[in-house]
Amino acid sequence: MGYCTPAEHQRFLRQCPIFERLLIEDGILLRKYWFSVSDKQQEKRFESRLTDPMRRWKLSPTDLESLTRWEDYSRAKDEMFVHTDIPEARWNVVEAEDKKRARLNMIADLLASVPYHHVPRDELVLPERPASTGYTRTDRSLQHEVPDHAATLTARKEKGKGRYRDPEDDD
């Protein structure tokens, strides 16, 4: 897409593993995750973002262009893996057709990869709330509140043909 020249791309592929090794030598725990999703699922997610005003911000012209370049992007990812999947910093591929499962699997893997020791915690007990001393909250008209933009999006969404149906929720 013209973000860099072929020479810059080759330099990235050459320098990235060197840079990652330097980070690791300095004691940084480097974990790399690639969320893998099929072209069909990606299109479904983009459709959802295109039609849902609460998700529209997630969709860019670059995302739309990626639909026509799926195979090119996949080849570029494969080439990047060849050059940057080094023993010190492996790529961890997360199957991401189901977003919730993918996130949980990634978090579990990340936590399992970080050395830690158990820190015992004191049991917490919610204290009883003391009797009121007469405090009243500041009148809202005296405060500068953030407008409820989400309510306007939900209202627009509901004006159309019934409630909004998220294409991502279809099986």
Foldseek 3Di string as FASTA:
>chain_A
DPPDDPVVLVVCLVCVQVVVVVCVVVPDQAEAEDEDDDLVLLVLQQVLLVLQVVNVVVDDPVSVVCSVVVVVVVVSVVVSQVRRCDPSYHYHYFHPSPPVVSVVVVVVVVVVPDDDDDDDDDDDDDDDDDDDPDDDDDDCVVDDDDDPPVVVSQVVQCVPDHHDDRSSPDD
